[in-house]
Each structure stands twice: as structure tokens, then as C-alpha cells.
Protein backbone atom coordinates (compact mmCIF):
# COMPACT_ATOMS: atom_id res chain seq x y z
CA MET A 1 -24.34 -17.88 -8.66
CA SER A 2 -20.92 -18.89 -7.34
CA GLU A 3 -19.36 -22.22 -8.09
CA SER A 4 -18.70 -24.59 -5.20
CA LEU A 5 -15.14 -25.07 -4.00
CA VAL A 6 -13.82 -28.60 -3.59
CA PRO A 7 -10.53 -29.99 -2.29
CA ALA A 8 -8.23 -31.13 -5.09
CA ARG A 9 -4.94 -32.97 -5.39
CA PHE A 10 -3.04 -33.61 -8.60
CA VAL A 11 -0.26 -36.18 -8.83
CA VAL A 12 2.05 -35.68 -11.80
CA VAL A 13 4.85 -37.97 -12.98
CA ALA A 14 7.20 -36.39 -15.51
CA ASP A 15 10.70 -36.39 -16.90
CA ALA A 16 12.91 -34.43 -14.47
CA PHE A 17 14.26 -31.22 -15.97
CA PRO A 18 15.06 -27.77 -14.53
CA GLY A 19 11.93 -25.92 -15.75
CA LEU A 20 9.39 -28.58 -14.83
CA LEU A 21 8.07 -27.27 -11.52
CA SER A 22 7.41 -23.74 -12.75
CA ARG A 23 5.59 -25.15 -15.78
CA LEU A 24 3.42 -27.34 -13.55
CA LEU A 25 2.34 -24.29 -11.55
CA GLU A 26 1.37 -22.23 -14.62
CA PRO A 27 -2.14 -23.74 -15.05
CA PHE A 28 -2.95 -22.67 -11.49
CA ALA A 29 -1.43 -19.19 -11.79
CA LYS A 30 -3.28 -18.35 -15.00
CA ARG A 31 -6.56 -19.14 -13.19
CA ASP A 32 -5.56 -17.04 -10.16
CA LEU A 33 -5.26 -20.16 -7.95
CA THR A 34 -2.55 -20.60 -5.33
CA PRO A 35 -1.83 -24.19 -4.28
CA ASP A 36 -1.89 -24.89 -0.54
CA SER A 37 0.91 -27.40 -0.88
CA VAL A 38 3.42 -28.52 -3.48
CA ARG A 39 5.68 -31.50 -2.97
CA ALA A 40 8.14 -32.80 -5.52
CA THR A 41 10.50 -35.75 -5.36
CA ARG A 42 13.07 -36.69 -7.96
CA GLN A 43 13.70 -40.38 -8.54
CA GLY A 44 16.52 -40.59 -11.06
CA GLU A 45 15.24 -39.27 -14.39
CA VAL A 46 11.65 -38.98 -13.13
CA MET A 47 9.99 -36.32 -10.96
CA ARG A 48 6.82 -36.98 -8.97
CA ALA A 49 4.94 -33.83 -7.97
CA GLU A 50 1.83 -33.49 -5.82
CA ILE A 51 -0.06 -30.21 -5.98
CA ALA A 52 -2.96 -29.74 -3.56
CA LEU A 53 -5.60 -27.08 -2.98
CA ASP A 54 -8.00 -27.01 -0.05
CA GLY A 55 -10.63 -25.29 -2.18
CA MET A 56 -10.76 -25.10 -5.97
CA PRO A 57 -13.71 -24.29 -8.25
CA GLU A 58 -15.13 -27.64 -9.29
CA GLY A 59 -15.43 -26.61 -12.94
CA MET A 60 -11.68 -26.03 -13.17
CA LEU A 61 -10.60 -29.53 -12.07
CA HIS A 62 -10.57 -31.16 -15.49
CA LEU A 63 -9.25 -28.00 -17.20
CA VAL A 64 -6.22 -27.88 -14.91
CA ALA A 65 -5.67 -31.65 -15.19
CA GLY A 66 -5.73 -31.32 -18.99
CA ASN A 67 -3.25 -28.43 -18.92
CA LEU A 68 -0.91 -30.40 -16.67
CA GLY A 69 -1.02 -33.29 -19.11
CA GLN A 70 0.08 -30.97 -21.93
CA VAL A 71 3.30 -29.91 -20.19
CA VAL A 72 6.29 -31.24 -22.11
CA GLY A 73 7.72 -34.35 -20.45
CA VAL A 74 4.64 -35.22 -18.38
CA ARG A 75 4.07 -38.96 -18.37
CA SER A 76 0.88 -39.08 -16.29
CA VAL A 77 -1.55 -36.91 -14.35
CA ARG A 78 -3.82 -38.34 -11.71
CA MET A 79 -6.48 -36.40 -9.89
CA VAL A 80 -7.12 -37.82 -6.44
CA SER A 81 -10.81 -38.34 -5.83
CA VAL A 82 -12.49 -35.23 -4.51
CA ALA A 83 -14.88 -37.41 -2.49
CA ALA A 84 -11.94 -39.23 -0.90
CA LEU A 85 -10.35 -35.94 0.10
CA SER A 86 -13.60 -34.65 1.58
CA ALA A 87 -13.99 -37.80 3.68
CA ALA A 88 -10.43 -37.62 5.03
């Protein structure tokens, strides 16, 4: 039985440093997931990154969010509501 795919968007706020973006992509790469879009904006000492996938296995949502939160320098991780993305 295959797991259903759901749209997902993660918003990460972290201390800005040169290796941050590659470290934020690691949780996706190790699960063989390729984000559909990545957008990052630096605001002084802080970086805000949005990573979105059009279809991601539902069971991986919280695992990836947890991995993102463990990246050194990450201040917050927010997962945008899957239901809100589906309705958009």
C-alpha cells in the first residue's frame, strides 16, 4: 500500500551563516525528496527560508520538520497547513 502524497511547505528562521542552506536541504535529500521550490532571504543576521514540495509522503512531514529543527542555528520551523495548501 502506497502512502498518500500531500503538498508541504516548511518555513525556517535561522542564524545566517554560509553552510545553512545546504544543511536545510539535507533532510530532504536523505529521503530522496527534491523540493519544488526553495526561497531564502537574509535579513541582517537572520535567514528566512521557505522550502516547498507539491507532493510529499504524509508520514515524512513531522520527521523532516524535526530534522530541520535540529540544524545548528535554527530558531524556528513552521509547517504550513497541508489543508490550507490543498485549498489554495
